[in-house]
Amino acid sequence: MGTVTLGVSIAVPEPYGSFLQERRAGFGDPAAHGIPTHVTLLPPTEVEAAALPAVEDHLAQVAAEGRAFPMRLAGTGTFRPLSPVVFVQVVEGADECMVLQERIRAAHGPCARELQFPYHPHVTVAHGIDEDAMDRAFAELKDFEAAWTINGFALYEQGADGVWRLDREYPFGSGEPSEGGSPLVPRQVDLTRPAAPSPG
């Protein structure tokens, strides 16, 4: 059956998600067109396609044990020179994200894996672009702030075109993935639209 590339994340809700995605595109980051704005819980991970049901069951169990928590973003940070990334900082909710990603990557589970770098929850706004554009992202979003309540997370699958598409949503406390009703996370936006006004 081959393999699939999966990722698990907490999406940034509207209007902040589209705003940061459009800003990322404006800085010249081509990845902006292929992924909703998010906080990663499981980075891109290749698994056997046959293992997907086990992954989904595992994520449902993790979500069933989860509880809603507040998240707040404020200001910018960077991983340079170690990694060419500029990000918006998670200033509230980081500890809860740490616990979730540890449970998702549990050694006994289907998503077990080592990380290239120590886990640090963040929202990427520029990755692998020229230094001047990275500096712009760092400076222009330094006053950005957003806050909301996290009610679950979602599983994404990367297509052959490089675009990450929503597979399933996992609300906290239910033990069941969500395939209908009110979405927990924003859908992929159409970046051909006019830029959204700055929230705040």
N, C-alpha and C. Protein backbone atom coordinates (compact mmCIF):
# COMPACT_ATOMS: atom_id res chain seq x y z
N MET A 1 0.82 -1.22 0.00
CA MET A 1 0.00 0.00 0.00
C MET A 1 0.85 1.27 0.00
N GLY A 2 2.15 1.13 0.28
CA GLY A 2 3.00 2.31 0.28
C GLY A 2 2.95 3.07 1.59
N THR A 3 3.47 4.29 1.56
CA THR A 3 3.53 5.12 2.76
C THR A 3 2.78 6.42 2.56
N VAL A 4 2.47 7.07 3.67
CA VAL A 4 1.85 8.40 3.65
C VAL A 4 2.63 9.28 4.63
N THR A 5 2.63 10.57 4.37
CA THR A 5 3.29 11.52 5.26
C THR A 5 2.22 12.27 6.04
N LEU A 6 2.29 12.14 7.36
CA LEU A 6 1.28 12.70 8.24
C LEU A 6 1.88 13.77 9.14
N GLY A 7 1.02 14.63 9.64
CA GLY A 7 1.40 15.62 10.65
C GLY A 7 0.21 15.87 11.54
N VAL A 8 0.46 16.22 12.79
CA VAL A 8 -0.61 16.55 13.74
C VAL A 8 -0.35 17.95 14.25
N SER A 9 -1.39 18.77 14.26
CA SER A 9 -1.19 20.16 14.66
C SER A 9 -2.44 20.77 15.26
N ILE A 10 -2.23 21.91 15.90
CA ILE A 10 -3.31 22.78 16.36
C ILE A 10 -3.36 23.95 15.40
N ALA A 11 -4.45 24.11 14.69
CA ALA A 11 -4.55 25.20 13.73
C ALA A 11 -4.88 26.51 14.43
N VAL A 12 -4.36 27.59 13.91
CA VAL A 12 -4.65 28.93 14.42
C VAL A 12 -5.99 29.36 13.82
N PRO A 13 -6.99 29.72 14.64
CA PRO A 13 -8.32 30.03 14.12
C PRO A 13 -8.38 31.37 13.41
N GLU A 14 -9.50 31.56 12.72
CA GLU A 14 -9.73 32.83 12.04
C GLU A 14 -10.11 33.92 13.05
N PRO A 15 -9.76 35.18 12.76
CA PRO A 15 -9.14 35.64 11.53
C PRO A 15 -7.62 35.54 11.52
N TYR A 16 -7.05 35.07 12.63
CA TYR A 16 -5.59 35.07 12.76
C TYR A 16 -4.91 34.10 11.80
N GLY A 17 -5.53 32.93 11.58
CA GLY A 17 -4.91 31.93 10.72
C GLY A 17 -4.67 32.45 9.31
N SER A 18 -5.71 33.00 8.70
CA SER A 18 -5.57 33.52 7.34
C SER A 18 -4.63 34.71 7.29
N PHE A 19 -4.73 35.57 8.31
CA PHE A 19 -3.86 36.75 8.35
C PHE A 19 -2.39 36.34 8.35
N LEU A 20 -2.00 35.40 9.21
CA LEU A 20 -0.59 34.99 9.28
C LEU A 20 -0.18 34.21 8.03
N GLN A 21 -1.10 33.44 7.48
CA GLN A 21 -0.80 32.69 6.26
C GLN A 21 -0.53 33.65 5.10
N GLU A 22 -1.35 34.68 4.99
CA GLU A 22 -1.18 35.65 3.91
C GLU A 22 0.09 36.49 4.11
N ARG A 23 0.40 36.80 5.37
CA ARG A 23 1.66 37.51 5.64
C ARG A 23 2.85 36.63 5.27
N ARG A 24 2.78 35.36 5.61
CA ARG A 24 3.86 34.43 5.26
C ARG A 24 4.07 34.38 3.76
N ALA A 25 2.97 34.32 3.03
CA ALA A 25 3.08 34.35 1.56
C ALA A 25 3.69 35.67 1.09
N GLY A 26 3.31 36.77 1.74
CA GLY A 26 3.82 38.08 1.36
C GLY A 26 5.32 38.23 1.60
N PHE A 27 5.86 37.47 2.55
CA PHE A 27 7.30 37.50 2.79
C PHE A 27 8.06 36.67 1.76
N GLY A 28 7.31 35.96 0.91
CA GLY A 28 7.94 35.19 -0.15
C GLY A 28 8.18 33.73 0.19
N ASP A 29 7.49 33.23 1.22
CA ASP A 29 7.67 31.83 1.63
C ASP A 29 6.70 30.96 0.84
N PRO A 30 7.19 30.13 -0.09
CA PRO A 30 6.30 29.31 -0.90
C PRO A 30 5.51 28.28 -0.10
N ALA A 31 5.98 27.92 1.09
CA ALA A 31 5.27 26.93 1.90
C ALA A 31 3.94 27.47 2.41
N ALA A 32 3.76 28.80 2.38
CA ALA A 32 2.51 29.38 2.87
C ALA A 32 1.31 28.86 2.10
N HIS A 33 1.49 28.54 0.84
CA HIS A 33 0.38 28.08 0.02
C HIS A 33 -0.01 26.63 0.29
N GLY A 34 0.82 25.91 1.05
CA GLY A 34 0.58 24.49 1.20
C GLY A 34 0.21 24.02 2.59
N ILE A 35 0.08 24.98 3.54
CA ILE A 35 -0.19 24.53 4.91
C ILE A 35 -0.94 25.60 5.69
N PRO A 36 -2.01 25.24 6.39
CA PRO A 36 -2.68 26.21 7.25
C PRO A 36 -1.76 26.63 8.40
N THR A 37 -1.97 27.81 8.91
CA THR A 37 -1.20 28.31 10.04
C THR A 37 -1.46 27.43 11.25
N HIS A 38 -0.39 27.02 11.95
CA HIS A 38 -0.56 25.99 12.97
C HIS A 38 0.55 25.99 14.00
N VAL A 39 0.30 25.26 15.08
CA VAL A 39 1.32 24.87 16.06
C VAL A 39 1.49 23.36 15.91
N THR A 40 2.68 22.92 15.60
CA THR A 40 2.94 21.50 15.36
C THR A 40 2.92 20.70 16.65
N LEU A 41 2.27 19.53 16.59
CA LEU A 41 2.35 18.54 17.67
C LEU A 41 3.14 17.30 17.22
N LEU A 42 3.02 16.94 15.95
CA LEU A 42 3.82 15.87 15.35
C LEU A 42 4.31 16.38 14.01
N PRO A 43 5.63 16.54 13.84
CA PRO A 43 6.16 17.04 12.57
C PRO A 43 5.96 16.01 11.46
N PRO A 44 6.20 16.38 10.20
CA PRO A 44 6.00 15.44 9.09
C PRO A 44 6.63 14.08 9.38
N THR A 45 5.78 13.05 9.33
CA THR A 45 6.19 11.70 9.71
C THR A 45 5.67 10.71 8.69
N GLU A 46 6.56 9.92 8.13
CA GLU A 46 6.18 8.93 7.13
C GLU A 46 5.80 7.62 7.82
N VAL A 47 4.61 7.13 7.50
CA VAL A 47 4.15 5.86 8.07
C VAL A 47 3.59 4.98 6.95
N GLU A 48 3.51 3.70 7.21
CA GLU A 48 2.88 2.80 6.26
C GLU A 48 1.39 3.14 6.17
N ALA A 49 0.87 3.17 4.95
CA ALA A 49 -0.55 3.49 4.77
C ALA A 49 -1.44 2.54 5.55
N ALA A 50 -1.00 1.30 5.68
CA ALA A 50 -1.79 0.31 6.42
C ALA A 50 -1.89 0.64 7.90
N ALA A 51 -0.97 1.49 8.39
CA ALA A 51 -0.96 1.85 9.81
C ALA A 51 -1.89 3.02 10.12
N LEU A 52 -2.50 3.62 9.10
CA LEU A 52 -3.32 4.81 9.32
C LEU A 52 -4.47 4.56 10.31
N PRO A 53 -5.20 3.45 10.24
CA PRO A 53 -6.26 3.22 11.25
C PRO A 53 -5.72 3.20 12.67
N ALA A 54 -4.53 2.62 12.87
CA ALA A 54 -3.94 2.58 14.20
C ALA A 54 -3.56 3.98 14.66
N VAL A 55 -3.06 4.80 13.73
CA VAL A 55 -2.73 6.19 14.06
C VAL A 55 -3.98 6.94 14.48
N GLU A 56 -5.06 6.77 13.72
CA GLU A 56 -6.30 7.47 14.04
C GLU A 56 -6.86 7.03 15.38
N ASP A 57 -6.78 5.75 15.68
CA ASP A 57 -7.26 5.26 16.98
C ASP A 57 -6.42 5.84 18.12
N HIS A 58 -5.11 5.89 17.91
CA HIS A 58 -4.20 6.44 18.92
C HIS A 58 -4.51 7.91 19.17
N LEU A 59 -4.70 8.68 18.11
CA LEU A 59 -5.00 10.11 18.27
C LEU A 59 -6.33 10.32 18.97
N ALA A 60 -7.32 9.47 18.68
CA ALA A 60 -8.61 9.57 19.35
C ALA A 60 -8.46 9.33 20.85
N GLN A 61 -7.58 8.39 21.22
CA GLN A 61 -7.36 8.12 22.64
C GLN A 61 -6.66 9.30 23.32
N VAL A 62 -5.66 9.88 22.64
CA VAL A 62 -4.98 11.05 23.20
C VAL A 62 -5.97 12.19 23.39
N ALA A 63 -6.81 12.42 22.39
CA ALA A 63 -7.80 13.50 22.48
C ALA A 63 -8.80 13.26 23.59
N ALA A 64 -9.19 12.00 23.78
CA ALA A 64 -10.18 11.68 24.82
C ALA A 64 -9.67 12.06 26.20
N GLU A 65 -8.34 12.01 26.38
CA GLU A 65 -7.75 12.34 27.68
C GLU A 65 -7.43 13.83 27.80
N GLY A 66 -7.61 14.57 26.72
CA GLY A 66 -7.27 15.99 26.71
C GLY A 66 -8.38 16.87 27.24
N ARG A 67 -8.01 18.06 27.65
CA ARG A 67 -8.97 19.05 28.13
C ARG A 67 -8.65 20.39 27.48
N ALA A 68 -9.68 21.20 27.27
CA ALA A 68 -9.49 22.52 26.66
C ALA A 68 -8.51 23.35 27.48
N PHE A 69 -7.74 24.18 26.78
CA PHE A 69 -6.80 25.06 27.48
C PHE A 69 -6.61 26.35 26.68
N PRO A 70 -6.26 27.44 27.36
CA PRO A 70 -6.06 28.71 26.66
C PRO A 70 -4.71 28.74 25.95
N MET A 71 -4.71 29.40 24.79
CA MET A 71 -3.46 29.64 24.07
C MET A 71 -3.37 31.12 23.75
N ARG A 72 -2.17 31.66 23.90
CA ARG A 72 -1.93 33.06 23.54
C ARG A 72 -0.62 33.16 22.77
N LEU A 73 -0.68 33.89 21.68
CA LEU A 73 0.50 34.19 20.87
C LEU A 73 0.87 35.64 21.07
N ALA A 74 2.16 35.94 21.10
CA ALA A 74 2.59 37.33 21.23
C ALA A 74 4.05 37.46 20.81
N GLY A 75 4.30 38.37 19.87
CA GLY A 75 5.66 38.68 19.47
C GLY A 75 6.29 37.62 18.59
N THR A 76 7.51 37.89 18.18
CA THR A 76 8.22 37.00 17.27
C THR A 76 9.48 36.44 17.92
N GLY A 77 9.97 35.35 17.35
CA GLY A 77 11.22 34.73 17.75
C GLY A 77 11.85 34.11 16.52
N THR A 78 13.03 33.54 16.68
CA THR A 78 13.69 32.89 15.56
C THR A 78 14.57 31.75 16.06
N PHE A 79 14.76 30.76 15.20
CA PHE A 79 15.68 29.66 15.49
C PHE A 79 17.03 29.87 14.80
N ARG A 80 17.17 30.99 14.08
CA ARG A 80 18.45 31.26 13.42
C ARG A 80 19.55 31.45 14.47
N PRO A 81 20.78 31.05 14.21
CA PRO A 81 21.29 30.44 12.96
C PRO A 81 21.14 28.92 12.90
N LEU A 82 20.60 28.30 13.96
CA LEU A 82 20.48 26.84 13.97
C LEU A 82 19.55 26.34 12.87
N SER A 83 18.44 27.06 12.68
CA SER A 83 17.46 26.69 11.67
C SER A 83 16.85 27.97 11.09
N PRO A 84 16.65 28.04 9.76
CA PRO A 84 16.19 29.29 9.13
C PRO A 84 14.68 29.51 9.29
N VAL A 85 14.27 29.80 10.53
CA VAL A 85 12.84 29.94 10.84
C VAL A 85 12.61 31.20 11.66
N VAL A 86 11.57 31.96 11.29
CA VAL A 86 11.04 33.04 12.12
C VAL A 86 9.63 32.62 12.52
N PHE A 87 9.27 32.87 13.76
CA PHE A 87 7.98 32.39 14.25
C PHE A 87 7.33 33.40 15.18
N VAL A 88 6.01 33.22 15.34
CA VAL A 88 5.26 33.92 16.38
C VAL A 88 5.32 33.04 17.62
N GLN A 89 5.57 33.65 18.77
CA GLN A 89 5.79 32.91 20.00
C GLN A 89 4.48 32.46 20.66
N VAL A 90 4.50 31.26 21.20
CA VAL A 90 3.42 30.77 22.06
C VAL A 90 3.79 31.15 23.48
N VAL A 91 3.06 32.11 24.06
CA VAL A 91 3.40 32.59 25.40
C VAL A 91 2.46 32.04 26.48
N GLU A 92 1.38 31.39 26.06
CA GLU A 92 0.51 30.67 26.98
C GLU A 92 0.00 29.44 26.26
N GLY A 93 0.03 28.30 26.94
CA GLY A 93 -0.40 27.04 26.34
C GLY A 93 0.75 26.14 25.92
N ALA A 94 1.99 26.61 26.09
CA ALA A 94 3.14 25.83 25.65
C ALA A 94 3.28 24.53 26.45
N ASP A 95 3.04 24.59 27.75
CA ASP A 95 3.17 23.39 28.58
C ASP A 95 2.17 22.32 28.16
N GLU A 96 0.95 22.75 27.85
CA GLU A 96 -0.08 21.80 27.42
C GLU A 96 0.29 21.18 26.06
N CYS A 97 0.85 22.00 25.17
CA CYS A 97 1.31 21.47 23.88
C CYS A 97 2.42 20.44 24.08
N MET A 98 3.31 20.70 25.02
CA MET A 98 4.40 19.77 25.33
C MET A 98 3.84 18.41 25.75
N VAL A 99 2.85 18.43 26.63
CA VAL A 99 2.25 17.18 27.09
C VAL A 99 1.58 16.44 25.94
N LEU A 100 0.83 17.17 25.12
CA LEU A 100 0.13 16.54 24.00
C LEU A 100 1.10 15.88 23.03
N GLN A 101 2.17 16.60 22.65
CA GLN A 101 3.08 16.04 21.66
C GLN A 101 3.82 14.82 22.23
N GLU A 102 4.08 14.81 23.54
CA GLU A 102 4.70 13.63 24.15
C GLU A 102 3.77 12.43 24.10
N ARG A 103 2.48 12.67 24.35
CA ARG A 103 1.51 11.57 24.30
C ARG A 103 1.34 11.06 22.87
N ILE A 104 1.34 11.97 21.92
CA ILE A 104 1.19 11.57 20.52
C ILE A 104 2.39 10.75 20.06
N ARG A 105 3.59 11.13 20.49
CA ARG A 105 4.81 10.42 20.07
C ARG A 105 5.20 9.30 21.04
N ALA A 106 4.29 8.86 21.88
CA ALA A 106 4.60 7.84 22.89
C ALA A 106 5.34 6.66 22.27
N ALA A 107 6.35 6.17 22.98
CA ALA A 107 7.23 5.14 22.45
C ALA A 107 6.48 3.86 22.06
N HIS A 108 5.37 3.59 22.73
CA HIS A 108 4.62 2.36 22.46
C HIS A 108 3.59 2.55 21.34
N GLY A 109 3.43 3.76 20.84
CA GLY A 109 2.36 4.04 19.89
C GLY A 109 2.81 4.06 18.43
N PRO A 110 1.85 4.23 17.51
CA PRO A 110 2.15 4.20 16.08
C PRO A 110 2.81 5.47 15.56
N CYS A 111 2.90 6.51 16.40
CA CYS A 111 3.53 7.77 15.97
C CYS A 111 4.88 8.00 16.66
N ALA A 112 5.43 6.94 17.24
CA ALA A 112 6.72 7.06 17.94
C ALA A 112 7.80 7.52 16.98
N ARG A 113 8.55 8.54 17.40
CA ARG A 113 9.67 9.03 16.59
C ARG A 113 10.51 9.97 17.44
N GLU A 114 11.77 10.11 17.04
CA GLU A 114 12.65 11.09 17.66
C GLU A 114 12.52 12.40 16.91
N LEU A 115 12.81 13.51 17.60
CA LEU A 115 12.76 14.83 16.98
C LEU A 115 14.16 15.29 16.61
N GLN A 116 14.26 16.06 15.53
CA GLN A 116 15.55 16.60 15.11
C GLN A 116 16.06 17.64 16.09
N PHE A 117 15.11 18.43 16.64
CA PHE A 117 15.43 19.46 17.62
C PHE A 117 14.50 19.30 18.82
N PRO A 118 14.89 19.78 19.99
CA PRO A 118 13.97 19.75 21.15
C PRO A 118 12.66 20.45 20.80
N TYR A 119 11.55 19.91 21.32
CA TYR A 119 10.23 20.47 21.00
C TYR A 119 10.10 21.88 21.55
N HIS A 120 9.61 22.78 20.70
CA HIS A 120 9.40 24.18 21.09
C HIS A 120 8.18 24.68 20.34
N PRO A 121 7.00 24.71 20.98
CA PRO A 121 5.79 25.12 20.26
C PRO A 121 5.90 26.54 19.74
N HIS A 122 5.47 26.74 18.49
CA HIS A 122 5.58 28.04 17.83
C HIS A 122 4.70 28.04 16.59
N VAL A 123 4.53 29.22 15.99
CA VAL A 123 3.79 29.35 14.73
C VAL A 123 4.73 29.93 13.69
N THR A 124 5.16 29.12 12.75
CA THR A 124 6.11 29.56 11.73
C THR A 124 5.48 30.61 10.82
N VAL A 125 6.22 31.69 10.57
CA VAL A 125 5.77 32.73 9.64
C VAL A 125 6.77 32.96 8.53
N ALA A 126 7.93 32.33 8.59
CA ALA A 126 8.92 32.39 7.51
C ALA A 126 9.89 31.24 7.70
N HIS A 127 10.19 30.55 6.59
CA HIS A 127 11.08 29.39 6.68
C HIS A 127 11.90 29.26 5.40
N GLY A 128 13.20 29.31 5.54
CA GLY A 128 14.08 29.02 4.41
C GLY A 128 14.08 30.06 3.31
N ILE A 129 13.71 31.30 3.63
CA ILE A 129 13.75 32.36 2.61
C ILE A 129 14.96 33.25 2.87
N ASP A 130 15.15 34.27 2.04
CA ASP A 130 16.36 35.07 2.19
C ASP A 130 16.34 35.86 3.49
N GLU A 131 17.53 36.23 3.95
CA GLU A 131 17.68 36.83 5.27
C GLU A 131 16.92 38.15 5.40
N ASP A 132 16.90 38.95 4.36
CA ASP A 132 16.18 40.22 4.44
C ASP A 132 14.69 39.98 4.68
N ALA A 133 14.11 39.00 3.98
CA ALA A 133 12.69 38.68 4.16
C ALA A 133 12.44 38.11 5.55
N MET A 134 13.39 37.32 6.05
CA MET A 134 13.25 36.79 7.42
C MET A 134 13.27 37.93 8.43
N ASP A 135 14.15 38.90 8.20
CA ASP A 135 14.22 40.05 9.09
C ASP A 135 12.92 40.85 9.06
N ARG A 136 12.33 40.98 7.86
CA ARG A 136 11.04 41.67 7.73
C ARG A 136 9.96 40.97 8.54
N ALA A 137 9.90 39.65 8.40
CA ALA A 137 8.89 38.88 9.14
C ALA A 137 9.06 39.08 10.64
N PHE A 138 10.29 39.05 11.10
CA PHE A 138 10.57 39.21 12.52
C PHE A 138 10.12 40.59 13.01
N ALA A 139 10.41 41.63 12.21
CA ALA A 139 10.10 42.99 12.64
C ALA A 139 8.63 43.34 12.47
N GLU A 140 8.02 42.93 11.36
CA GLU A 140 6.67 43.36 11.05
C GLU A 140 5.60 42.66 11.88
N LEU A 141 5.94 41.51 12.46
CA LEU A 141 4.96 40.78 13.27
C LEU A 141 5.29 40.82 14.76
N LYS A 142 6.24 41.68 15.14
CA LYS A 142 6.68 41.70 16.54
C LYS A 142 5.57 42.15 17.49
N ASP A 143 4.58 42.88 16.99
CA ASP A 143 3.49 43.33 17.85
C ASP A 143 2.23 42.47 17.71
N PHE A 144 2.32 41.38 16.94
CA PHE A 144 1.16 40.52 16.74
C PHE A 144 0.77 39.83 18.05
N GLU A 145 -0.53 39.77 18.30
CA GLU A 145 -1.06 39.05 19.46
C GLU A 145 -2.36 38.35 19.07
N ALA A 146 -2.60 37.22 19.67
CA ALA A 146 -3.86 36.50 19.47
C ALA A 146 -4.06 35.58 20.66
N ALA A 147 -5.33 35.33 21.00
CA ALA A 147 -5.64 34.42 22.11
C ALA A 147 -6.95 33.70 21.81
N TRP A 148 -7.02 32.43 22.18
CA TRP A 148 -8.23 31.65 22.00
C TRP A 148 -8.13 30.40 22.86
N THR A 149 -9.17 29.59 22.86
CA THR A 149 -9.19 28.35 23.63
C THR A 149 -8.99 27.17 22.69
N ILE A 150 -8.07 26.28 23.04
CA ILE A 150 -7.81 25.08 22.26
C ILE A 150 -8.79 24.00 22.69
N ASN A 151 -9.55 23.49 21.72
CA ASN A 151 -10.55 22.47 22.01
C ASN A 151 -10.24 21.12 21.37
N GLY A 152 -9.09 21.01 20.71
CA GLY A 152 -8.72 19.77 20.05
C GLY A 152 -7.58 19.99 19.09
N PHE A 153 -7.25 18.95 18.34
CA PHE A 153 -6.18 19.03 17.35
C PHE A 153 -6.61 18.28 16.11
N ALA A 154 -5.76 18.24 15.10
CA ALA A 154 -6.16 17.62 13.83
C ALA A 154 -5.01 16.87 13.19
N LEU A 155 -5.36 15.88 12.40
CA LEU A 155 -4.42 15.09 11.61
C LEU A 155 -4.46 15.58 10.18
N TYR A 156 -3.27 15.81 9.62
CA TYR A 156 -3.14 16.25 8.24
C TYR A 156 -2.32 15.23 7.46
N GLU A 157 -2.57 15.16 6.14
CA GLU A 157 -1.79 14.31 5.25
C GLU A 157 -1.25 15.17 4.11
N GLN A 158 0.02 14.98 3.81
CA GLN A 158 0.65 15.75 2.74
C GLN A 158 0.46 15.04 1.41
N GLY A 159 -0.07 15.78 0.43
CA GLY A 159 -0.27 15.23 -0.90
C GLY A 159 1.00 15.24 -1.73
N ALA A 160 0.94 14.60 -2.89
CA ALA A 160 2.09 14.57 -3.80
C ALA A 160 2.46 15.97 -4.27
N ASP A 161 1.50 16.91 -4.19
CA ASP A 161 1.75 18.28 -4.60
C ASP A 161 2.37 19.12 -3.48
N GLY A 162 2.64 18.49 -2.33
CA GLY A 162 3.24 19.20 -1.21
C GLY A 162 2.25 19.90 -0.31
N VAL A 163 0.96 19.89 -0.67
CA VAL A 163 -0.06 20.57 0.13
C VAL A 163 -0.53 19.66 1.26
N TRP A 164 -0.65 20.24 2.45
CA TRP A 164 -1.16 19.51 3.61
C TRP A 164 -2.67 19.67 3.68
N ARG A 165 -3.38 18.54 3.72
CA ARG A 165 -4.85 18.56 3.74
C ARG A 165 -5.37 17.90 5.00
N LEU A 166 -6.44 18.48 5.52
CA LEU A 166 -7.06 17.97 6.74
C LEU A 166 -7.59 16.56 6.52
N ASP A 167 -7.20 15.65 7.41
CA ASP A 167 -7.70 14.28 7.35
C ASP A 167 -8.84 14.09 8.35
N ARG A 168 -8.54 14.37 9.64
CA ARG A 168 -9.56 14.25 10.67
C ARG A 168 -9.27 15.23 11.80
N GLU A 169 -10.34 15.60 12.50
CA GLU A 169 -10.23 16.46 13.67
C GLU A 169 -10.53 15.64 14.92
N TYR A 170 -9.86 15.99 16.00
CA TYR A 170 -9.99 15.24 17.25
C TYR A 170 -10.32 16.18 18.39
N PRO A 171 -11.61 16.32 18.72
CA PRO A 171 -12.01 17.19 19.84
C PRO A 171 -11.59 16.56 21.16
N PHE A 172 -11.19 17.39 22.09
CA PHE A 172 -10.83 16.90 23.42
C PHE A 172 -12.04 16.31 24.14
N GLY A 173 -11.79 15.22 24.86
CA GLY A 173 -12.79 14.67 25.76
C GLY A 173 -13.80 13.74 25.14
N SER A 174 -13.83 13.66 23.80
CA SER A 174 -14.89 12.87 23.17
C SER A 174 -14.47 11.44 22.87
N GLY A 175 -13.19 11.26 22.56
CA GLY A 175 -12.72 9.94 22.17
C GLY A 175 -13.09 9.57 20.75
N GLU A 176 -13.75 10.47 20.04
CA GLU A 176 -14.15 10.19 18.68
C GLU A 176 -13.66 11.28 17.74
N PRO A 177 -13.09 10.90 16.56
CA PRO A 177 -12.72 11.91 15.59
C PRO A 177 -13.95 12.59 15.01
N SER A 178 -13.78 13.82 14.60
CA SER A 178 -14.89 14.60 14.05
C SER A 178 -14.80 14.64 12.54
N GLU A 179 -15.90 14.27 11.87
CA GLU A 179 -15.92 14.33 10.41
C GLU A 179 -17.07 15.21 9.91
N GLY A 180 -17.71 15.92 10.78
CA GLY A 180 -18.81 16.78 10.37
C GLY A 180 -19.07 17.80 11.44
N GLY A 181 -20.09 18.62 11.21
CA GLY A 181 -20.42 19.65 12.19
C GLY A 181 -19.44 20.80 12.13
N SER A 182 -19.37 21.54 13.21
CA SER A 182 -18.51 22.72 13.25
C SER A 182 -17.05 22.32 13.26
N PRO A 183 -16.25 22.86 12.34
CA PRO A 183 -14.84 22.48 12.30
C PRO A 183 -14.08 23.05 13.48
N LEU A 184 -13.09 22.29 13.94
CA LEU A 184 -12.22 22.76 15.01
C LEU A 184 -11.14 23.68 14.46
N VAL A 185 -10.81 23.49 13.20
CA VAL A 185 -9.68 24.21 12.62
C VAL A 185 -10.09 24.88 11.32
N PRO A 186 -9.41 25.96 10.93
CA PRO A 186 -9.75 26.62 9.67
C PRO A 186 -9.33 25.78 8.47
N ARG A 187 -10.09 25.88 7.42
CA ARG A 187 -9.74 25.18 6.18
C ARG A 187 -8.63 25.94 5.47
N GLN A 188 -8.02 25.27 4.48
CA GLN A 188 -7.00 25.94 3.68
C GLN A 188 -7.63 27.14 2.99
N VAL A 189 -7.00 28.30 3.12
CA VAL A 189 -7.59 29.50 2.54
C VAL A 189 -7.12 29.67 1.10
N ASP A 190 -7.88 30.45 0.36
CA ASP A 190 -7.52 30.80 -1.01
C ASP A 190 -6.67 32.05 -0.95
N LEU A 191 -5.39 31.93 -1.23
CA LEU A 191 -4.48 33.06 -1.08
C LEU A 191 -4.58 34.05 -2.26
N THR A 192 -5.49 33.77 -3.19
CA THR A 192 -5.72 34.74 -4.26
C THR A 192 -6.66 35.84 -3.79
N ARG A 193 -7.26 35.66 -2.61
CA ARG A 193 -8.16 36.68 -2.08
C ARG A 193 -7.37 37.90 -1.65
N PRO A 194 -8.02 39.07 -1.52
CA PRO A 194 -7.33 40.23 -0.94
C PRO A 194 -6.87 39.91 0.47
N ALA A 195 -5.78 40.47 0.88
CA ALA A 195 -5.22 40.22 2.21
C ALA A 195 -6.21 40.66 3.28
N ALA A 196 -6.30 39.88 4.34
CA ALA A 196 -7.18 40.22 5.46
C ALA A 196 -6.60 41.38 6.24
N PRO A 197 -7.46 42.20 6.83
CA PRO A 197 -6.92 43.29 7.67
C PRO A 197 -6.23 42.74 8.88
N SER A 198 -5.30 43.48 9.41
CA SER A 198 -4.56 43.05 10.59
C SER A 198 -5.48 42.97 11.78
N PRO A 199 -5.50 41.78 12.46
CA PRO A 199 -6.33 41.68 13.66
C PRO A 199 -5.72 42.47 14.80
N GLY A 200 -6.56 42.85 15.72
CA GLY A 200 -6.02 43.54 16.87
C GLY A 200 -6.72 44.86 17.12
